[in-house]
Amino acid sequence: MRKLLLVIASAAAWILAMDLDAADAAKSVFEIPVRDAHAKPTDLSAYKGKVLLIVNVASKCGFTPQYSGLESLYEKYKDKGFDLLAFPSNDFGGQEPGTLPEIQKFCSTKYNVKFPLFDKVHAKGPQKDPLYAYLTSAATPPGEVGWNFEKFLIGKDGKVAGRFKSAVKPDDPELIGAIERELAK
């Protein structure tokens, strides 16, 4: 039994290392494996050529009301080559304990969210999702995500074009200006 557990642990470590290697080798977010809202493996290649705002979200956070502003931002720019991608995370104070169906229901009923929601991820720590490994290493400044609702702006080329802390609201002129500059490129 002990040998079997050791083999399983080794295999899990190898798979995690492979995913992190994929993030390290990625030249853009479009190449990084993610899981969609049904936990099905996919990637972000469908968003090539668009400006993206990637946000780690949570339902029980002081920043949760930002869902309204994020939806407004999405509605304002979605027909101009912009998309907003939300990745729930329970890494910060256990503020996203729900299952994916519970999170989806909460977002749609409480905030009328229509932007894409993806599977729950680890946005920090040793189990960090490959997407967040890429974002936190490619952003300026680099480093771990600080809290829920941190925002990464991605240019049409799939590279990080900006990073905005949780306290930056979706209607902040700095964020709006950065999005509009990327859309104009």
N, C-alpha and C. Protein backbone atom coordinates (compact mmCIF):
# COMPACT_ATOMS: atom_id res chain seq x y z
N MET A 1 0.83 -1.19 0.00
CA MET A 1 0.00 0.00 0.00
C MET A 1 0.88 1.26 0.00
N ARG A 2 1.92 1.24 0.80
CA ARG A 2 2.82 2.38 0.89
C ARG A 2 3.48 2.67 -0.46
N LYS A 3 3.89 1.59 -1.17
CA LYS A 3 4.51 1.75 -2.49
C LYS A 3 3.51 2.33 -3.48
N LEU A 4 2.26 1.89 -3.43
CA LEU A 4 1.24 2.39 -4.32
C LEU A 4 1.01 3.88 -4.09
N LEU A 5 0.93 4.30 -2.83
CA LEU A 5 0.76 5.71 -2.52
C LEU A 5 1.95 6.53 -3.01
N LEU A 6 3.14 6.00 -2.88
CA LEU A 6 4.34 6.68 -3.36
C LEU A 6 4.30 6.84 -4.87
N VAL A 7 3.88 5.80 -5.57
CA VAL A 7 3.77 5.85 -7.04
C VAL A 7 2.73 6.89 -7.45
N ILE A 8 1.59 6.90 -6.76
CA ILE A 8 0.53 7.86 -7.07
C ILE A 8 1.02 9.28 -6.81
N ALA A 9 1.68 9.51 -5.69
CA ALA A 9 2.21 10.84 -5.38
C ALA A 9 3.24 11.28 -6.40
N SER A 10 4.09 10.37 -6.82
CA SER A 10 5.10 10.70 -7.84
C SER A 10 4.45 11.05 -9.16
N ALA A 11 3.43 10.30 -9.54
CA ALA A 11 2.72 10.58 -10.79
C ALA A 11 2.02 11.94 -10.72
N ALA A 12 1.41 12.24 -9.60
CA ALA A 12 0.74 13.54 -9.44
C ALA A 12 1.74 14.68 -9.53
N ALA A 13 2.89 14.52 -8.90
CA ALA A 13 3.93 15.55 -8.97
C ALA A 13 4.43 15.73 -10.40
N TRP A 14 4.58 14.63 -11.13
CA TRP A 14 5.03 14.70 -12.52
C TRP A 14 4.00 15.44 -13.38
N ILE A 15 2.70 15.14 -13.19
CA ILE A 15 1.65 15.82 -13.96
C ILE A 15 1.64 17.30 -13.64
N LEU A 16 1.74 17.66 -12.38
CA LEU A 16 1.78 19.06 -11.99
C LEU A 16 2.99 19.75 -12.60
N ALA A 17 4.13 19.10 -12.58
CA ALA A 17 5.33 19.68 -13.18
C ALA A 17 5.16 19.87 -14.68
N MET A 18 4.51 18.92 -15.34
CA MET A 18 4.26 19.04 -16.78
C MET A 18 3.40 20.26 -17.06
N ASP A 19 2.34 20.47 -16.27
CA ASP A 19 1.46 21.61 -16.47
C ASP A 19 2.21 22.91 -16.23
N LEU A 20 3.03 22.97 -15.18
CA LEU A 20 3.79 24.18 -14.91
C LEU A 20 4.83 24.40 -15.99
N ASP A 21 5.43 23.31 -16.52
CA ASP A 21 6.36 23.46 -17.64
C ASP A 21 5.65 24.06 -18.84
N ALA A 22 4.40 23.66 -19.08
CA ALA A 22 3.63 24.21 -20.19
C ALA A 22 3.43 25.70 -20.00
N ALA A 23 3.16 26.14 -18.77
CA ALA A 23 2.99 27.56 -18.49
C ALA A 23 4.31 28.30 -18.68
N ASP A 24 5.41 27.70 -18.21
CA ASP A 24 6.73 28.33 -18.36
C ASP A 24 7.11 28.49 -19.82
N ALA A 25 6.76 27.51 -20.65
CA ALA A 25 7.13 27.52 -22.06
C ALA A 25 6.17 28.35 -22.91
N ALA A 26 5.01 28.69 -22.38
CA ALA A 26 4.00 29.40 -23.15
C ALA A 26 4.47 30.78 -23.55
N LYS A 27 4.12 31.16 -24.76
CA LYS A 27 4.43 32.49 -25.26
C LYS A 27 3.23 33.42 -25.12
N SER A 28 2.07 32.83 -24.84
CA SER A 28 0.85 33.61 -24.65
C SER A 28 -0.15 32.77 -23.86
N VAL A 29 -1.22 33.42 -23.38
CA VAL A 29 -2.25 32.70 -22.63
C VAL A 29 -2.99 31.70 -23.51
N PHE A 30 -2.94 31.90 -24.81
CA PHE A 30 -3.69 31.04 -25.73
C PHE A 30 -3.16 29.60 -25.75
N GLU A 31 -1.96 29.39 -25.29
CA GLU A 31 -1.32 28.07 -25.31
C GLU A 31 -1.46 27.30 -24.01
N ILE A 32 -2.06 27.89 -23.02
CA ILE A 32 -2.09 27.29 -21.69
C ILE A 32 -3.38 26.50 -21.48
N PRO A 33 -3.26 25.26 -21.00
CA PRO A 33 -4.47 24.47 -20.76
C PRO A 33 -5.27 25.01 -19.57
N VAL A 34 -6.59 25.06 -19.74
CA VAL A 34 -7.51 25.47 -18.68
C VAL A 34 -8.69 24.50 -18.70
N ARG A 35 -9.61 24.67 -17.77
CA ARG A 35 -10.83 23.87 -17.75
C ARG A 35 -12.01 24.82 -17.84
N ASP A 36 -12.95 24.49 -18.70
CA ASP A 36 -14.12 25.34 -18.89
C ASP A 36 -15.11 25.22 -17.72
N ALA A 37 -16.27 25.83 -17.87
CA ALA A 37 -17.28 25.84 -16.81
C ALA A 37 -17.87 24.47 -16.51
N HIS A 38 -17.55 23.49 -17.35
CA HIS A 38 -18.01 22.12 -17.11
C HIS A 38 -16.84 21.22 -16.70
N ALA A 39 -15.73 21.85 -16.33
CA ALA A 39 -14.49 21.17 -15.91
C ALA A 39 -13.86 20.36 -17.04
N LYS A 40 -14.21 20.69 -18.26
CA LYS A 40 -13.66 20.00 -19.44
C LYS A 40 -12.36 20.70 -19.88
N PRO A 41 -11.30 19.91 -20.12
CA PRO A 41 -10.04 20.51 -20.57
C PRO A 41 -10.22 21.27 -21.89
N THR A 42 -9.63 22.44 -21.94
CA THR A 42 -9.68 23.28 -23.14
C THR A 42 -8.48 24.22 -23.08
N ASP A 43 -8.47 25.20 -23.95
CA ASP A 43 -7.46 26.27 -23.88
C ASP A 43 -8.16 27.56 -24.26
N LEU A 44 -7.42 28.64 -24.34
CA LEU A 44 -8.01 29.94 -24.61
C LEU A 44 -7.82 30.37 -26.07
N SER A 45 -7.50 29.43 -26.94
CA SER A 45 -7.23 29.78 -28.34
C SER A 45 -8.44 30.40 -29.04
N ALA A 46 -9.65 30.13 -28.57
CA ALA A 46 -10.85 30.73 -29.16
C ALA A 46 -10.86 32.25 -28.97
N TYR A 47 -10.04 32.75 -28.05
CA TYR A 47 -10.01 34.19 -27.76
C TYR A 47 -8.86 34.92 -28.48
N LYS A 48 -8.15 34.21 -29.36
CA LYS A 48 -7.05 34.84 -30.10
C LYS A 48 -7.55 36.08 -30.81
N GLY A 49 -6.75 37.15 -30.71
CA GLY A 49 -7.10 38.40 -31.38
C GLY A 49 -8.01 39.30 -30.57
N LYS A 50 -8.41 38.85 -29.38
CA LYS A 50 -9.25 39.67 -28.50
C LYS A 50 -8.42 40.22 -27.35
N VAL A 51 -8.90 41.30 -26.77
CA VAL A 51 -8.36 41.82 -25.52
C VAL A 51 -9.13 41.12 -24.41
N LEU A 52 -8.40 40.60 -23.43
CA LEU A 52 -9.03 39.85 -22.34
C LEU A 52 -8.75 40.50 -20.99
N LEU A 53 -9.69 40.36 -20.09
CA LEU A 53 -9.45 40.69 -18.69
C LEU A 53 -9.72 39.39 -17.94
N ILE A 54 -8.66 38.86 -17.31
CA ILE A 54 -8.76 37.61 -16.55
C ILE A 54 -8.79 37.97 -15.07
N VAL A 55 -9.81 37.45 -14.37
CA VAL A 55 -10.04 37.83 -12.98
C VAL A 55 -10.26 36.57 -12.14
N ASN A 56 -9.57 36.49 -10.99
CA ASN A 56 -9.86 35.42 -10.04
C ASN A 56 -10.98 35.93 -9.12
N VAL A 57 -12.07 35.19 -9.05
CA VAL A 57 -13.28 35.66 -8.39
C VAL A 57 -13.66 34.78 -7.19
N ALA A 58 -14.53 35.33 -6.35
CA ALA A 58 -15.03 34.61 -5.18
C ALA A 58 -16.39 35.18 -4.79
N SER A 59 -17.24 34.33 -4.28
CA SER A 59 -18.62 34.71 -3.96
C SER A 59 -18.82 35.31 -2.57
N LYS A 60 -17.86 35.11 -1.67
CA LYS A 60 -18.04 35.55 -0.29
C LYS A 60 -16.92 36.50 0.14
N CYS A 61 -16.63 37.47 -0.71
CA CYS A 61 -15.52 38.38 -0.51
C CYS A 61 -16.04 39.82 -0.45
N GLY A 62 -15.30 40.67 0.22
CA GLY A 62 -15.66 42.08 0.24
C GLY A 62 -15.65 42.71 -1.15
N PHE A 63 -14.91 42.11 -2.08
CA PHE A 63 -14.85 42.62 -3.45
C PHE A 63 -15.90 41.98 -4.36
N THR A 64 -16.70 41.04 -3.85
CA THR A 64 -17.69 40.34 -4.67
C THR A 64 -18.63 41.28 -5.41
N PRO A 65 -19.03 42.44 -4.83
CA PRO A 65 -19.88 43.36 -5.60
C PRO A 65 -19.24 43.85 -6.90
N GLN A 66 -17.94 43.62 -7.08
CA GLN A 66 -17.32 43.98 -8.35
C GLN A 66 -17.90 43.19 -9.52
N TYR A 67 -18.59 42.08 -9.24
CA TYR A 67 -19.24 41.33 -10.31
C TYR A 67 -20.12 42.26 -11.15
N SER A 68 -20.84 43.18 -10.50
CA SER A 68 -21.72 44.10 -11.23
C SER A 68 -20.92 44.98 -12.19
N GLY A 69 -19.84 45.53 -11.68
CA GLY A 69 -19.00 46.38 -12.52
C GLY A 69 -18.31 45.60 -13.62
N LEU A 70 -17.91 44.37 -13.32
CA LEU A 70 -17.28 43.53 -14.35
C LEU A 70 -18.28 43.21 -15.45
N GLU A 71 -19.54 42.94 -15.08
CA GLU A 71 -20.57 42.66 -16.08
C GLU A 71 -20.81 43.90 -16.94
N SER A 72 -20.84 45.07 -16.33
CA SER A 72 -21.01 46.32 -17.09
C SER A 72 -19.86 46.53 -18.06
N LEU A 73 -18.66 46.28 -17.59
CA LEU A 73 -17.47 46.40 -18.44
C LEU A 73 -17.55 45.43 -19.62
N TYR A 74 -17.93 44.21 -19.34
CA TYR A 74 -18.08 43.19 -20.37
C TYR A 74 -19.12 43.63 -21.41
N GLU A 75 -20.28 44.09 -20.94
CA GLU A 75 -21.34 44.51 -21.86
C GLU A 75 -20.91 45.71 -22.71
N LYS A 76 -20.15 46.62 -22.12
CA LYS A 76 -19.73 47.83 -22.84
C LYS A 76 -18.75 47.50 -23.98
N TYR A 77 -17.86 46.54 -23.77
CA TYR A 77 -16.78 46.31 -24.73
C TYR A 77 -16.84 44.98 -25.48
N LYS A 78 -17.80 44.12 -25.17
CA LYS A 78 -17.80 42.78 -25.75
C LYS A 78 -17.93 42.78 -27.27
N ASP A 79 -18.59 43.76 -27.83
CA ASP A 79 -18.75 43.83 -29.28
C ASP A 79 -17.61 44.58 -29.96
N LYS A 80 -16.61 44.96 -29.17
CA LYS A 80 -15.46 45.71 -29.70
C LYS A 80 -14.18 44.89 -29.66
N GLY A 81 -14.30 43.57 -29.43
CA GLY A 81 -13.12 42.71 -29.39
C GLY A 81 -12.59 42.45 -27.99
N PHE A 82 -13.45 42.55 -26.99
CA PHE A 82 -13.07 42.37 -25.59
C PHE A 82 -13.82 41.19 -24.99
N ASP A 83 -13.17 40.46 -24.12
CA ASP A 83 -13.85 39.42 -23.35
C ASP A 83 -13.31 39.42 -21.93
N LEU A 84 -14.15 39.01 -21.01
CA LEU A 84 -13.79 38.94 -19.60
C LEU A 84 -13.92 37.48 -19.18
N LEU A 85 -12.86 36.93 -18.59
CA LEU A 85 -12.84 35.53 -18.20
C LEU A 85 -12.64 35.44 -16.69
N ALA A 86 -13.57 34.77 -16.02
CA ALA A 86 -13.54 34.66 -14.56
C ALA A 86 -13.13 33.25 -14.15
N PHE A 87 -12.18 33.19 -13.23
CA PHE A 87 -11.69 31.92 -12.69
C PHE A 87 -11.89 31.92 -11.18
N PRO A 88 -12.93 31.23 -10.69
CA PRO A 88 -13.16 31.16 -9.25
C PRO A 88 -11.96 30.53 -8.54
N SER A 89 -11.68 31.05 -7.34
CA SER A 89 -10.58 30.51 -6.55
C SER A 89 -10.96 30.57 -5.07
N ASN A 90 -10.62 29.52 -4.36
CA ASN A 90 -10.89 29.45 -2.93
C ASN A 90 -9.60 29.67 -2.12
N ASP A 91 -8.60 30.23 -2.76
CA ASP A 91 -7.27 30.39 -2.13
C ASP A 91 -7.19 31.50 -1.09
N PHE A 92 -8.13 32.41 -1.10
CA PHE A 92 -8.00 33.60 -0.25
C PHE A 92 -9.12 33.61 0.79
N GLY A 93 -8.79 33.17 1.97
CA GLY A 93 -9.75 33.18 3.07
C GLY A 93 -10.91 32.21 2.90
N GLY A 94 -10.77 31.21 2.03
CA GLY A 94 -11.85 30.25 1.81
C GLY A 94 -13.14 30.92 1.34
N GLN A 95 -13.01 31.99 0.55
CA GLN A 95 -14.17 32.79 0.17
C GLN A 95 -14.90 32.31 -1.09
N GLU A 96 -14.46 31.16 -1.63
CA GLU A 96 -15.19 30.55 -2.74
C GLU A 96 -15.31 29.05 -2.49
N PRO A 97 -16.11 28.67 -1.46
CA PRO A 97 -16.22 27.26 -1.09
C PRO A 97 -17.17 26.46 -1.97
N GLY A 98 -17.99 27.12 -2.77
CA GLY A 98 -19.04 26.44 -3.52
C GLY A 98 -18.53 25.57 -4.65
N THR A 99 -19.43 24.72 -5.13
CA THR A 99 -19.16 23.92 -6.32
C THR A 99 -19.34 24.82 -7.53
N LEU A 100 -18.87 24.36 -8.67
CA LEU A 100 -19.00 25.16 -9.88
C LEU A 100 -20.46 25.47 -10.21
N PRO A 101 -21.39 24.50 -10.14
CA PRO A 101 -22.81 24.84 -10.38
C PRO A 101 -23.35 25.88 -9.39
N GLU A 102 -22.93 25.79 -8.13
CA GLU A 102 -23.36 26.78 -7.13
C GLU A 102 -22.82 28.17 -7.47
N ILE A 103 -21.58 28.23 -7.88
CA ILE A 103 -20.96 29.50 -8.25
C ILE A 103 -21.67 30.10 -9.46
N GLN A 104 -21.94 29.28 -10.47
CA GLN A 104 -22.63 29.75 -11.67
C GLN A 104 -24.02 30.29 -11.33
N LYS A 105 -24.74 29.57 -10.48
CA LYS A 105 -26.08 30.02 -10.09
C LYS A 105 -25.99 31.34 -9.34
N PHE A 106 -25.06 31.45 -8.40
CA PHE A 106 -24.87 32.67 -7.64
C PHE A 106 -24.60 33.85 -8.58
N CYS A 107 -23.66 33.65 -9.52
CA CYS A 107 -23.27 34.74 -10.43
C CYS A 107 -24.42 35.17 -11.33
N SER A 108 -25.18 34.21 -11.82
CA SER A 108 -26.27 34.56 -12.75
C SER A 108 -27.48 35.15 -12.02
N THR A 109 -27.82 34.64 -10.85
CA THR A 109 -29.00 35.14 -10.16
C THR A 109 -28.74 36.42 -9.37
N LYS A 110 -27.60 36.53 -8.73
CA LYS A 110 -27.31 37.71 -7.90
C LYS A 110 -26.76 38.88 -8.72
N TYR A 111 -25.94 38.59 -9.75
CA TYR A 111 -25.27 39.66 -10.49
C TYR A 111 -25.54 39.63 -12.00
N ASN A 112 -26.39 38.71 -12.46
CA ASN A 112 -26.73 38.62 -13.88
C ASN A 112 -25.50 38.53 -14.78
N VAL A 113 -24.51 37.78 -14.31
CA VAL A 113 -23.24 37.63 -15.04
C VAL A 113 -23.46 36.82 -16.32
N LYS A 114 -22.93 37.37 -17.41
CA LYS A 114 -23.00 36.68 -18.70
C LYS A 114 -21.62 36.39 -19.27
N PHE A 115 -20.58 36.97 -18.67
CA PHE A 115 -19.23 36.69 -19.17
C PHE A 115 -18.82 35.27 -18.77
N PRO A 116 -17.87 34.69 -19.51
CA PRO A 116 -17.48 33.29 -19.27
C PRO A 116 -16.88 33.05 -17.89
N LEU A 117 -17.36 32.00 -17.27
CA LEU A 117 -16.86 31.52 -15.99
C LEU A 117 -16.18 30.19 -16.26
N PHE A 118 -15.00 30.00 -15.70
CA PHE A 118 -14.24 28.77 -15.89
C PHE A 118 -14.23 27.97 -14.59
N ASP A 119 -13.58 26.81 -14.61
CA ASP A 119 -13.48 25.95 -13.45
C ASP A 119 -12.66 26.63 -12.35
N LYS A 120 -12.88 26.20 -11.12
CA LYS A 120 -12.11 26.73 -10.00
C LYS A 120 -10.63 26.41 -10.20
N VAL A 121 -9.79 27.35 -9.78
CA VAL A 121 -8.34 27.20 -9.91
C VAL A 121 -7.65 27.60 -8.61
N HIS A 122 -6.40 27.20 -8.51
CA HIS A 122 -5.53 27.75 -7.48
C HIS A 122 -4.78 28.90 -8.15
N ALA A 123 -4.94 30.09 -7.61
CA ALA A 123 -4.30 31.28 -8.17
C ALA A 123 -2.95 31.55 -7.52
N LYS A 124 -2.61 30.79 -6.49
CA LYS A 124 -1.33 30.97 -5.80
C LYS A 124 -0.91 29.65 -5.16
N GLY A 125 0.31 29.63 -4.69
CA GLY A 125 0.79 28.48 -3.93
C GLY A 125 1.35 27.36 -4.78
N PRO A 126 1.70 26.24 -4.13
CA PRO A 126 2.36 25.13 -4.82
C PRO A 126 1.48 24.43 -5.84
N GLN A 127 0.16 24.55 -5.72
CA GLN A 127 -0.74 23.93 -6.70
C GLN A 127 -1.28 24.95 -7.71
N LYS A 128 -0.58 26.05 -7.85
CA LYS A 128 -1.01 27.13 -8.73
C LYS A 128 -1.31 26.61 -10.14
N ASP A 129 -2.45 27.01 -10.66
CA ASP A 129 -2.85 26.63 -12.01
C ASP A 129 -1.83 27.17 -13.02
N PRO A 130 -1.57 26.44 -14.10
CA PRO A 130 -0.61 26.91 -15.11
C PRO A 130 -0.94 28.30 -15.65
N LEU A 131 -2.22 28.63 -15.79
CA LEU A 131 -2.59 29.97 -16.25
C LEU A 131 -2.05 31.02 -15.29
N TYR A 132 -2.26 30.80 -14.01
CA TYR A 132 -1.80 31.78 -13.02
C TYR A 132 -0.28 31.74 -12.85
N ALA A 133 0.33 30.61 -13.10
CA ALA A 133 1.81 30.57 -13.10
C ALA A 133 2.32 31.49 -14.20
N TYR A 134 1.70 31.43 -15.37
CA TYR A 134 2.10 32.30 -16.47
C TYR A 134 1.80 33.76 -16.15
N LEU A 135 0.58 34.06 -15.73
CA LEU A 135 0.18 35.45 -15.47
C LEU A 135 1.08 36.11 -14.43
N THR A 136 1.33 35.41 -13.33
CA THR A 136 2.10 36.01 -12.25
C THR A 136 3.58 36.13 -12.56
N SER A 137 4.07 35.38 -13.53
CA SER A 137 5.48 35.52 -13.91
C SER A 137 5.65 36.50 -15.07
N ALA A 138 4.62 36.64 -15.92
CA ALA A 138 4.74 37.51 -17.10
C ALA A 138 4.28 38.94 -16.84
N ALA A 139 3.57 39.17 -15.74
CA ALA A 139 3.04 40.50 -15.44
C ALA A 139 4.12 41.40 -14.86
N THR A 140 3.85 42.70 -14.96
CA THR A 140 4.68 43.69 -14.31
C THR A 140 3.82 44.40 -13.28
N PRO A 141 4.13 44.30 -12.01
CA PRO A 141 5.24 43.54 -11.44
C PRO A 141 4.87 42.05 -11.36
N PRO A 142 5.88 41.19 -11.43
CA PRO A 142 5.62 39.76 -11.24
C PRO A 142 5.36 39.48 -9.76
N GLY A 143 4.82 38.32 -9.48
CA GLY A 143 4.60 37.92 -8.08
C GLY A 143 3.21 37.35 -7.87
N GLU A 144 3.03 36.74 -6.73
CA GLU A 144 1.78 36.06 -6.40
C GLU A 144 0.58 37.01 -6.45
N VAL A 145 -0.58 36.44 -6.74
CA VAL A 145 -1.83 37.17 -6.66
C VAL A 145 -2.05 37.50 -5.19
N GLY A 146 -2.48 38.73 -4.91
CA GLY A 146 -2.63 39.17 -3.54
C GLY A 146 -3.95 38.80 -2.90
N TRP A 147 -5.04 38.80 -3.70
CA TRP A 147 -6.37 38.52 -3.15
C TRP A 147 -7.34 38.27 -4.29
N ASN A 148 -8.59 38.01 -3.94
CA ASN A 148 -9.64 37.83 -4.93
C ASN A 148 -9.83 39.10 -5.76
N PHE A 149 -10.27 38.92 -6.98
CA PHE A 149 -10.59 40.00 -7.91
C PHE A 149 -9.38 40.78 -8.38
N GLU A 150 -8.21 40.13 -8.40
CA GLU A 150 -7.06 40.73 -9.07
C GLU A 150 -7.27 40.54 -10.57
N LYS A 151 -6.88 41.56 -11.34
CA LYS A 151 -7.21 41.59 -12.76
C LYS A 151 -5.94 41.61 -13.61
N PHE A 152 -5.92 40.76 -14.64
CA PHE A 152 -4.81 40.73 -15.60
C PHE A 152 -5.38 41.10 -16.97
N LEU A 153 -4.84 42.16 -17.55
CA LEU A 153 -5.25 42.58 -18.89
C LEU A 153 -4.34 41.89 -19.90
N ILE A 154 -4.95 41.26 -20.89
CA ILE A 154 -4.22 40.51 -21.90
C ILE A 154 -4.45 41.18 -23.25
N GLY A 155 -3.36 41.46 -23.96
CA GLY A 155 -3.46 42.07 -25.28
C GLY A 155 -3.90 41.06 -26.33
N LYS A 156 -4.17 41.55 -27.52
CA LYS A 156 -4.63 40.70 -28.63
C LYS A 156 -3.62 39.61 -28.98
N ASP A 157 -2.35 39.84 -28.61
CA ASP A 157 -1.30 38.85 -28.87
C ASP A 157 -1.23 37.77 -27.80
N GLY A 158 -2.08 37.87 -26.77
CA GLY A 158 -2.11 36.86 -25.71
C GLY A 158 -1.11 37.10 -24.61
N LYS A 159 -0.44 38.25 -24.63
CA LYS A 159 0.55 38.57 -23.60
C LYS A 159 -0.03 39.54 -22.58
N VAL A 160 0.49 39.46 -21.36
CA VAL A 160 0.02 40.32 -20.28
C VAL A 160 0.36 41.78 -20.60
N ALA A 161 -0.69 42.62 -20.62
CA ALA A 161 -0.53 44.03 -20.94
C ALA A 161 -0.74 44.92 -19.72
N GLY A 162 -1.21 44.35 -18.62
CA GLY A 162 -1.43 45.13 -17.42
C GLY A 162 -1.89 44.25 -16.27
N ARG A 163 -1.66 44.75 -15.08
CA ARG A 163 -2.05 44.04 -13.86
C ARG A 163 -2.68 45.05 -12.92
N PHE A 164 -3.84 44.69 -12.36
CA PHE A 164 -4.58 45.60 -11.52
C PHE A 164 -5.00 44.87 -10.24
N LYS A 165 -4.65 45.45 -9.13
CA LYS A 165 -4.94 44.84 -7.83
C LYS A 165 -6.45 44.81 -7.56
N SER A 166 -6.84 44.07 -6.57
CA SER A 166 -8.24 43.84 -6.23
C SER A 166 -9.02 45.13 -5.99
N ALA A 167 -8.40 46.10 -5.36
CA ALA A 167 -9.09 47.35 -5.03
C ALA A 167 -9.39 48.21 -6.25
N VAL A 168 -8.77 47.91 -7.39
CA VAL A 168 -9.06 48.65 -8.62
C VAL A 168 -10.42 48.18 -9.12
N LYS A 169 -11.38 49.09 -9.10
CA LYS A 169 -12.74 48.75 -9.49
C LYS A 169 -12.84 48.67 -11.02
N PRO A 170 -13.81 47.91 -11.52
CA PRO A 170 -13.97 47.76 -12.96
C PRO A 170 -14.19 49.07 -13.72
N ASP A 171 -14.72 50.10 -13.04
CA ASP A 171 -14.93 51.39 -13.72
C ASP A 171 -13.80 52.39 -13.46
N ASP A 172 -12.70 51.92 -12.89
CA ASP A 172 -11.55 52.79 -12.63
C ASP A 172 -11.01 53.33 -13.96
N PRO A 173 -10.78 54.64 -14.05
CA PRO A 173 -10.28 55.23 -15.29
C PRO A 173 -8.96 54.62 -15.79
N GLU A 174 -8.11 54.21 -14.86
CA GLU A 174 -6.84 53.59 -15.26
C GLU A 174 -7.08 52.26 -15.98
N LEU A 175 -7.99 51.44 -15.45
CA LEU A 175 -8.31 50.16 -16.08
C LEU A 175 -9.03 50.39 -17.41
N ILE A 176 -10.01 51.27 -17.43
CA ILE A 176 -10.75 51.57 -18.67
C ILE A 176 -9.79 52.07 -19.75
N GLY A 177 -8.89 52.98 -19.37
CA GLY A 177 -7.91 53.51 -20.33
C GLY A 177 -7.01 52.43 -20.89
N ALA A 178 -6.57 51.51 -20.04
CA ALA A 178 -5.70 50.41 -20.49
C ALA A 178 -6.44 49.50 -21.46
N ILE A 179 -7.70 49.20 -21.15
CA ILE A 179 -8.51 48.36 -22.05
C ILE A 179 -8.68 49.05 -23.39
N GLU A 180 -9.02 50.32 -23.38
CA GLU A 180 -9.24 51.04 -24.62
C GLU A 180 -7.96 51.16 -25.46
N ARG A 181 -6.83 51.34 -24.79
CA ARG A 181 -5.54 51.38 -25.53
C ARG A 181 -5.27 50.03 -26.21
N GLU A 182 -5.53 48.94 -25.49
CA GLU A 182 -5.30 47.61 -26.09
C GLU A 182 -6.27 47.34 -27.23
N LEU A 183 -7.51 47.78 -27.08
CA LEU A 183 -8.49 47.59 -28.16
C LEU A 183 -8.11 48.38 -29.41
N ALA A 184 -7.47 49.53 -29.22
CA ALA A 184 -7.09 50.40 -30.34
C ALA A 184 -5.88 49.86 -31.12
N LYS A 185 -5.14 48.93 -30.55
CA LYS A 185 -3.94 48.40 -31.21
C LYS A 185 -4.30 47.51 -32.39
